[in-house]
PDB file of N, CA and C in Angstrom:
ATOM      1  N   MET A   1      59.484 -27.496  38.907  1.00  0.00           N
ATOM      2  CA  MET A   1      58.652 -27.407  37.737  1.00  0.00           C
ATOM      3  C   MET A   1      57.379 -26.665  38.115  1.00  0.00           C
ATOM      4  N   ALA A   2      57.040 -25.672  37.325  1.00  0.00           N
ATOM      5  CA  ALA A   2      55.875 -24.841  37.619  1.00  0.00           C
ATOM      6  C   ALA A   2      54.655 -25.399  36.913  1.00  0.00           C
ATOM      7  N   LYS A   3      53.552 -25.290  37.606  1.00  0.00           N
ATOM      8  CA  LYS A   3      52.291 -25.731  37.010  1.00  0.00           C
ATOM      9  C   LYS A   3      51.703 -24.593  36.190  1.00  0.00           C
ATOM     10  N   VAL A   4      51.126 -24.942  35.058  1.00  0.00           N
ATOM     11  CA  VAL A   4      50.439 -23.957  34.221  1.00  0.00           C
ATOM     12  C   VAL A   4      48.948 -24.165  34.414  1.00  0.00           C
ATOM     13  N   ILE A   5      48.292 -23.102  34.874  1.00  0.00           N
ATOM     14  CA  ILE A   5      46.847 -23.171  35.088  1.00  0.00           C
ATOM     15  C   ILE A   5      46.176 -22.375  33.973  1.00  0.00           C
ATOM     16  N   ILE A   6      45.299 -23.030  33.269  1.00  0.00           N
ATOM     17  CA  ILE A   6      44.579 -22.366  32.177  1.00  0.00           C
ATOM     18  C   ILE A   6      43.222 -21.940  32.713  1.00  0.00           C
ATOM     19  N   MET A   7      43.008 -20.655  32.723  1.00  0.00           N
ATOM     20  CA  MET A   7      41.753 -20.093  33.223  1.00  0.00           C
ATOM     21  C   MET A   7      40.821 -19.844  32.027  1.00  0.00           C
ATOM     22  N   PRO A   8      39.525 -20.102  32.201  1.00  0.00           N
ATOM     23  CA  PRO A   8      38.592 -19.807  31.100  1.00  0.00           C
ATOM     24  C   PRO A   8      38.480 -18.308  30.874  1.00  0.00           C
ATOM     25  N   ASP A   9      38.269 -17.965  29.640  1.00  0.00           N
ATOM     26  CA  ASP A   9      38.117 -16.554  29.280  1.00  0.00           C
ATOM     27  C   ASP A   9      36.756 -16.071  29.765  1.00  0.00           C
ATOM     28  N   PRO A  10      36.691 -15.032  30.592  1.00  0.00           N
ATOM     29  CA  PRO A  10      35.398 -14.563  31.095  1.00  0.00           C
ATOM     30  C   PRO A  10      34.518 -13.941  30.007  1.00  0.00           C
ATOM     31  N   ASP A  11      35.107 -13.535  28.895  1.00  0.00           N
ATOM     32  CA  ASP A  11      34.323 -12.932  27.811  1.00  0.00           C
ATOM     33  C   ASP A  11      33.797 -13.970  26.824  1.00  0.00           C
ATOM     34  N   ASP A  12      34.210 -15.223  26.946  1.00  0.00           N
ATOM     35  CA  ASP A  12      33.764 -16.290  26.054  1.00  0.00           C
ATOM     36  C   ASP A  12      32.381 -16.776  26.509  1.00  0.00           C
ATOM     37  N   PRO A  13      31.347 -16.618  25.665  1.00  0.00           N
ATOM     38  CA  PRO A  13      29.997 -16.998  26.096  1.00  0.00           C
ATOM     39  C   PRO A  13      29.747 -18.503  26.067  1.00  0.00           C
ATOM     40  N   GLY A  14      30.616 -19.280  25.466  1.00  0.00           N
ATOM     41  CA  GLY A  14      30.396 -20.712  25.355  1.00  0.00           C
ATOM     42  C   GLY A  14      29.426 -21.025  24.231  1.00  0.00           C
ATOM     43  N   LEU A  15      29.186 -22.301  24.014  1.00  0.00           N
ATOM     44  CA  LEU A  15      28.324 -22.721  22.909  1.00  0.00           C
ATOM     45  C   LEU A  15      26.887 -22.267  23.110  1.00  0.00           C
ATOM     46  N   GLN A  16      26.365 -22.435  24.313  1.00  0.00           N
ATOM     47  CA  GLN A  16      24.973 -22.038  24.566  1.00  0.00           C
ATOM     48  C   GLN A  16      24.806 -20.527  24.387  1.00  0.00           C
ATOM     49  N   GLY A  17      25.755 -19.760  24.835  1.00  0.00           N
ATOM     50  CA  GLY A  17      25.689 -18.311  24.659  1.00  0.00           C
ATOM     51  C   GLY A  17      25.760 -17.907  23.200  1.00  0.00           C
ATOM     52  N   LYS A  18      26.579 -18.618  22.423  1.00  0.00           N
ATOM     53  CA  LYS A  18      26.687 -18.317  20.995  1.00  0.00           C
ATOM     54  C   LYS A  18      25.381 -18.628  20.272  1.00  0.00           C
ATOM     55  N   VAL A  19      24.736 -19.727  20.641  1.00  0.00           N
ATOM     56  CA  VAL A  19      23.459 -20.084  20.020  1.00  0.00           C
ATOM     57  C   VAL A  19      22.407 -19.049  20.361  1.00  0.00           C
ATOM     58  N   ILE A  20      22.352 -18.629  21.610  1.00  0.00           N
ATOM     59  CA  ILE A  20      21.373 -17.621  22.031  1.00  0.00           C
ATOM     60  C   ILE A  20      21.620 -16.301  21.323  1.00  0.00           C
ATOM     61  N   ARG A  21      22.877 -15.894  21.205  1.00  0.00           N
ATOM     62  CA  ARG A  21      23.188 -14.646  20.493  1.00  0.00           C
ATOM     63  C   ARG A  21      22.792 -14.741  19.021  1.00  0.00           C
ATOM     64  N   PHE A  22      23.035 -15.900  18.393  1.00  0.00           N
ATOM     65  CA  PHE A  22      22.649 -16.094  16.995  1.00  0.00           C
ATOM     66  C   PHE A  22      21.139 -15.975  16.835  1.00  0.00           C
ATOM     67  N   LEU A  23      20.374 -16.610  17.728  1.00  0.00           N
ATOM     68  CA  LEU A  23      18.921 -16.565  17.631  1.00  0.00           C
ATOM     69  C   LEU A  23      18.393 -15.156  17.840  1.00  0.00           C
ATOM     70  N   ILE A  24      18.953 -14.435  18.788  1.00  0.00           N
ATOM     71  CA  ILE A  24      18.493 -13.069  19.046  1.00  0.00           C
ATOM     72  C   ILE A  24      18.793 -12.169  17.850  1.00  0.00           C
ATOM     73  N   LYS A  25      19.970 -12.322  17.267  1.00  0.00           N
ATOM     74  CA  LYS A  25      20.334 -11.489  16.117  1.00  0.00           C
ATOM     75  C   LYS A  25      19.470 -11.788  14.905  1.00  0.00           C
ATOM     76  N   ASN A  26      19.046 -13.036  14.757  1.00  0.00           N
ATOM     77  CA  ASN A  26      18.326 -13.446  13.553  1.00  0.00           C
ATOM     78  C   ASN A  26      16.868 -13.797  13.821  1.00  0.00           C
ATOM     79  N   ILE A  27      16.315 -13.341  14.936  1.00  0.00           N
ATOM     80  CA  ILE A  27      14.944 -13.719  15.288  1.00  0.00           C
ATOM     81  C   ILE A  27      13.940 -13.200  14.256  1.00  0.00           C
ATOM     82  N   LEU A  28      14.126 -12.011  13.744  1.00  0.00           N
ATOM     83  CA  LEU A  28      13.201 -11.475  12.745  1.00  0.00           C
ATOM     84  C   LEU A  28      13.243 -12.313  11.467  1.00  0.00           C
ATOM     85  N   LEU A  29      14.420 -12.706  11.056  1.00  0.00           N
ATOM     86  CA  LEU A  29      14.565 -13.539   9.857  1.00  0.00           C
ATOM     87  C   LEU A  29      13.920 -14.906  10.072  1.00  0.00           C
ATOM     88  N   ILE A  30      14.098 -15.478  11.251  1.00  0.00           N
ATOM     89  CA  ILE A  30      13.518 -16.787  11.550  1.00  0.00           C
ATOM     90  C   ILE A  30      11.994 -16.711  11.572  1.00  0.00           C
ATOM     91  N   VAL A  31      11.435 -15.671  12.198  1.00  0.00           N
ATOM     92  CA  VAL A  31       9.982 -15.508  12.249  1.00  0.00           C
ATOM     93  C   VAL A  31       9.420 -15.283  10.852  1.00  0.00           C
ATOM     94  N   LEU A  32      10.083 -14.477  10.050  1.00  0.00           N
ATOM     95  CA  LEU A  32       9.629 -14.222   8.682  1.00  0.00           C
ATOM     96  C   LEU A  32       9.661 -15.505   7.850  1.00  0.00           C
ATOM     97  N   PHE A  33      10.717 -16.286   7.964  1.00  0.00           N
ATOM     98  CA  PHE A  33      10.818 -17.554   7.238  1.00  0.00           C
ATOM     99  C   PHE A  33       9.713 -18.515   7.673  1.00  0.00           C
ATOM    100  N   ALA A  34       9.452 -18.581   8.968  1.00  0.00           N
ATOM    101  CA  ALA A  34       8.407 -19.479   9.471  1.00  0.00           C
ATOM    102  C   ALA A  34       7.032 -19.048   8.963  1.00  0.00           C
ATOM    103  N   ALA A  35       6.763 -17.745   8.937  1.00  0.00           N
ATOM    104  CA  ALA A  35       5.470 -17.252   8.458  1.00  0.00           C
ATOM    105  C   ALA A  35       5.287 -17.555   6.969  1.00  0.00           C
ATOM    106  N   VAL A  36       6.304 -17.326   6.178  1.00  0.00           N
ATOM    107  CA  VAL A  36       6.223 -17.620   4.738  1.00  0.00           C
ATOM    108  C   VAL A  36       6.031 -19.112   4.520  1.00  0.00           C
ATOM    109  N   PHE A  37       6.745 -19.935   5.269  1.00  0.00           N
ATOM    110  CA  PHE A  37       6.617 -21.383   5.156  1.00  0.00           C
ATOM    111  C   PHE A  37       5.197 -21.833   5.478  1.00  0.00           C
ATOM    112  N   LEU A  38       4.610 -21.303   6.542  1.00  0.00           N
ATOM    113  CA  LEU A  38       3.252 -21.691   6.917  1.00  0.00           C
ATOM    114  C   LEU A  38       2.224 -21.246   5.881  1.00  0.00           C
ATOM    115  N   VAL A  39       2.376 -20.039   5.342  1.00  0.00           N
ATOM    116  CA  VAL A  39       1.441 -19.554   4.332  1.00  0.00           C
ATOM    117  C   VAL A  39       1.525 -20.417   3.081  1.00  0.00           C
ATOM    118  N   VAL A  40       2.727 -20.762   2.661  1.00  0.00           N
ATOM    119  CA  VAL A  40       2.887 -21.594   1.468  1.00  0.00           C
ATOM    120  C   VAL A  40       2.307 -22.984   1.705  1.00  0.00           C
ATOM    121  N   MET A  41       2.565 -23.574   2.855  1.00  0.00           N
ATOM    122  CA  MET A  41       2.080 -24.921   3.123  1.00  0.00           C
ATOM    123  C   MET A  41       0.555 -24.989   3.246  1.00  0.00           C
ATOM    124  N   HIS A  42      -0.070 -23.918   3.695  1.00  0.00           N
ATOM    125  CA  HIS A  42      -1.527 -23.917   3.820  1.00  0.00           C
ATOM    126  C   HIS A  42      -2.230 -23.579   2.506  1.00  0.00           C
ATOM    127  N   ASN A  43      -1.472 -23.203   1.489  1.00  0.00           N
ATOM    128  CA  ASN A  43      -2.077 -22.821   0.222  1.00  0.00           C
ATOM    129  C   ASN A  43      -1.649 -23.708  -0.928  1.00  0.00           C
ATOM    130  N   VAL A  44      -1.176 -24.890  -0.629  1.00  0.00           N
ATOM    131  CA  VAL A  44      -0.833 -25.894  -1.636  1.00  0.00           C
ATOM    132  C   VAL A  44      -1.849 -27.019  -1.516  1.00  0.00           C
ATOM    133  N   TYR A  45      -2.359 -27.465  -2.639  1.00  0.00           N
ATOM    134  CA  TYR A  45      -3.322 -28.564  -2.628  1.00  0.00           C
ATOM    135  C   TYR A  45      -3.098 -29.434  -3.859  1.00  0.00           C
ATOM    136  N   THR A  46      -3.638 -30.646  -3.819  1.00  0.00           N
ATOM    137  CA  THR A  46      -3.529 -31.559  -4.962  1.00  0.00           C
ATOM    138  C   THR A  46      -4.912 -31.989  -5.396  1.00  0.00           C
ATOM    139  N   ILE A  47      -5.054 -32.153  -6.686  1.00  0.00           N
ATOM    140  CA  ILE A  47      -6.267 -32.706  -7.279  1.00  0.00           C
ATOM    141  C   ILE A  47      -5.905 -34.124  -7.733  1.00  0.00           C
ATOM    142  N   PRO A  48      -6.676 -35.137  -7.312  1.00  0.00           N
ATOM    143  CA  PRO A  48      -6.366 -36.514  -7.727  1.00  0.00           C
ATOM    144  C   PRO A  48      -6.428 -36.679  -9.247  1.00  0.00           C
ATOM    145  N   ALA A  49      -5.784 -37.723  -9.742  1.00  0.00           N
ATOM    146  CA  ALA A  49      -5.644 -37.942 -11.180  1.00  0.00           C
ATOM    147  C   ALA A  49      -6.980 -38.167 -11.876  1.00  0.00           C
ATOM    148  N   ASP A  50      -7.974 -38.711 -11.194  1.00  0.00           N
ATOM    149  CA  ASP A  50      -9.248 -39.005 -11.840  1.00  0.00           C
ATOM    150  C   ASP A  50     -10.304 -37.933 -11.554  1.00  0.00           C
ATOM    151  N   SER A  51      -9.885 -36.738 -11.180  1.00  0.00           N
ATOM    152  CA  SER A  51     -10.839 -35.683 -10.789  1.00  0.00           C
ATOM    153  C   SER A  51     -10.490 -34.360 -11.446  1.00  0.00           C
ATOM    154  N   LYS A  52     -11.396 -33.445 -11.328  1.00  0.00           N
ATOM    155  CA  LYS A  52     -11.179 -32.046 -11.700  1.00  0.00           C
ATOM    156  C   LYS A  52     -11.509 -31.222 -10.468  1.00  0.00           C
ATOM    157  N   GLY A  53     -10.907 -30.061 -10.348  1.00  0.00           N
ATOM    158  CA  GLY A  53     -11.165 -29.204  -9.204  1.00  0.00           C
ATOM    159  C   GLY A  53     -11.883 -27.941  -9.619  1.00  0.00           C
ATOM    160  N   ILE A  54     -12.794 -27.484  -8.762  1.00  0.00           N
ATOM    161  CA  ILE A  54     -13.506 -26.232  -9.001  1.00  0.00           C
ATOM    162  C   ILE A  54     -12.974 -25.211  -8.007  1.00  0.00           C
ATOM    163  N   VAL A  55     -12.474 -24.098  -8.522  1.00  0.00           N
ATOM    164  CA  VAL A  55     -11.919 -23.047  -7.682  1.00  0.00           C
ATOM    165  C   VAL A  55     -12.979 -21.976  -7.490  1.00  0.00           C
ATOM    166  N   LEU A  56     -13.310 -21.730  -6.238  1.00  0.00           N
ATOM    167  CA  LEU A  56     -14.239 -20.657  -5.888  1.00  0.00           C
ATOM    168  C   LEU A  56     -13.438 -19.483  -5.356  1.00  0.00           C
ATOM    169  N   ARG A  57     -13.585 -18.342  -5.973  1.00  0.00           N
ATOM    170  CA  ARG A  57     -12.929 -17.135  -5.482  1.00  0.00           C
ATOM    171  C   ARG A  57     -14.002 -16.232  -4.897  1.00  0.00           C
ATOM    172  N   PHE A  58     -13.959 -16.056  -3.590  1.00  0.00           N
ATOM    173  CA  PHE A  58     -14.955 -15.295  -2.831  1.00  0.00           C
ATOM    174  C   PHE A  58     -16.359 -15.859  -3.052  1.00  0.00           C
ATOM    175  N   GLY A  59     -16.472 -17.198  -3.181  1.00  0.00           N
ATOM    176  CA  GLY A  59     -17.754 -17.859  -3.303  1.00  0.00           C
ATOM    177  C   GLY A  59     -18.295 -17.970  -4.710  1.00  0.00           C
ATOM    178  N   VAL A  60     -17.628 -17.426  -5.698  1.00  0.00           N
ATOM    179  CA  VAL A  60     -18.064 -17.476  -7.094  1.00  0.00           C
ATOM    180  C   VAL A  60     -17.111 -18.383  -7.865  1.00  0.00           C
ATOM    181  N   ILE A  61     -17.674 -19.228  -8.755  1.00  0.00           N
ATOM    182  CA  ILE A  61     -16.827 -20.135  -9.534  1.00  0.00           C
ATOM    183  C   ILE A  61     -15.858 -19.326 -10.380  1.00  0.00           C
ATOM    184  N   SER A  62     -14.584 -19.593 -10.197  1.00  0.00           N
ATOM    185  CA  SER A  62     -13.549 -18.857 -10.901  1.00  0.00           C
ATOM    186  C   SER A  62     -13.014 -19.642 -12.089  1.00  0.00           C
ATOM    187  N   ARG A  63     -12.694 -20.927 -11.852  1.00  0.00           N
ATOM    188  CA  ARG A  63     -12.156 -21.751 -12.934  1.00  0.00           C
ATOM    189  C   ARG A  63     -12.203 -23.221 -12.525  1.00  0.00           C
ATOM    190  N   ILE A  64     -11.972 -24.082 -13.493  1.00  0.00           N
ATOM    191  CA  ILE A  64     -11.870 -25.518 -13.259  1.00  0.00           C
ATOM    192  C   ILE A  64     -10.424 -25.901 -13.526  1.00  0.00           C
ATOM    193  N   VAL A  65      -9.823 -26.618 -12.575  1.00  0.00           N
ATOM    194  CA  VAL A  65      -8.399 -26.957 -12.694  1.00  0.00           C
ATOM    195  C   VAL A  65      -8.235 -28.450 -12.942  1.00  0.00           C
ATOM    196  N   ASP A  66      -7.164 -28.786 -13.634  1.00  0.00           N
ATOM    197  CA  ASP A  66      -6.814 -30.165 -13.948  1.00  0.00           C
ATOM    198  C   ASP A  66      -6.111 -30.821 -12.757  1.00  0.00           C
ATOM    199  N   PRO A  67      -5.951 -32.146 -12.802  1.00  0.00           N
ATOM    200  CA  PRO A  67      -5.257 -32.851 -11.716  1.00  0.00           C
ATOM    201  C   PRO A  67      -3.808 -32.386 -11.555  1.00  0.00           C
ATOM    202  N   GLY A  68      -3.316 -32.501 -10.334  1.00  0.00           N
ATOM    203  CA  GLY A  68      -1.922 -32.176 -10.063  1.00  0.00           C
ATOM    204  C   GLY A  68      -1.770 -31.298  -8.835  1.00  0.00           C
ATOM    205  N   LEU A  69      -0.554 -30.858  -8.617  1.00  0.00           N
ATOM    206  CA  LEU A  69      -0.218 -29.981  -7.502  1.00  0.00           C
ATOM    207  C   LEU A  69      -0.547 -28.548  -7.881  1.00  0.00           C
ATOM    208  N   ARG A  70      -1.274 -27.853  -7.033  1.00  0.00           N
ATOM    209  CA  ARG A  70      -1.736 -26.497  -7.334  1.00  0.00           C
ATOM    210  C   ARG A  70      -1.521 -25.579  -6.137  1.00  0.00           C
ATOM    211  N   PHE A  71      -1.559 -24.309  -6.404  1.00  0.00           N
ATOM    212  CA  PHE A  71      -1.485 -23.281  -5.372  1.00  0.00           C
ATOM    213  C   PHE A  71      -2.748 -22.444  -5.421  1.00  0.00           C
ATOM    214  N   LYS A  72      -3.161 -21.915  -4.278  1.00  0.00           N
ATOM    215  CA  LYS A  72      -4.332 -21.054  -4.236  1.00  0.00           C
ATOM    216  C   LYS A  72      -4.003 -19.764  -3.515  1.00  0.00           C
ATOM    217  N   LEU A  73      -4.806 -18.731  -3.766  1.00  0.00           N
ATOM    218  CA  LEU A  73      -4.625 -17.461  -3.074  1.00  0.00           C
ATOM    219  C   LEU A  73      -5.100 -17.597  -1.625  1.00  0.00           C
ATOM    220  N   PRO A  74      -4.307 -17.111  -0.690  1.00  0.00           N
ATOM    221  CA  PRO A  74      -4.745 -17.233   0.707  1.00  0.00           C
ATOM    222  C   PRO A  74      -5.984 -16.398   0.985  1.00  0.00           C
ATOM    223  N   TYR A  75      -6.928 -17.000   1.688  1.00  0.00           N
ATOM    224  CA  TYR A  75      -8.175 -16.371   2.161  1.00  0.00           C
ATOM    225  C   TYR A  75      -9.113 -15.964   1.026  1.00  0.00           C
ATOM    226  N   ALA A  76      -8.771 -16.194  -0.235  1.00  0.00           N
ATOM    227  CA  ALA A  76      -9.646 -15.808  -1.334  1.00  0.00           C
ATOM    228  C   ALA A  76     -10.229 -17.016  -2.056  1.00  0.00           C
ATOM    229  N   ASP A  77      -9.446 -18.070  -2.196  1.00  0.00           N
ATOM    230  CA  ASP A  77      -9.852 -19.228  -2.964  1.00  0.00           C
ATOM    231  C   ASP A  77     -10.285 -20.372  -2.049  1.00  0.00           C
ATOM    232  N   GLN A  78     -11.287 -21.131  -2.540  1.00  0.00           N
ATOM    233  CA  GLN A  78     -11.691 -22.378  -1.934  1.00  0.00           C
ATOM    234  C   GLN A  78     -11.712 -23.419  -3.035  1.00  0.00           C
ATOM    235  N   ILE A  79     -11.382 -24.659  -2.692  1.00  0.00           N
ATOM    236  CA  ILE A  79     -11.345 -25.712  -3.708  1.00  0.00           C
ATOM    237  C   ILE A  79     -12.454 -26.707  -3.397  1.00  0.00           C
TER     238      ILE A  79
END
């Protein structure tokens, strides 16, 4: 009876190699997604239910906002 020896494929990168190849191929997409996520998260704010918010655009009063979840322009608005 002959023994069958199964040799690993030298061209198979394995799981770790596949993950690394995926990250390298999609690194620009991942960086872009992370940057958009950070910009959105830093520009979301809430006004409590018993308050009003004053939006300053470049240091000048722009508008008064009602309570709730709001978005602001990056680097232009202050609340």
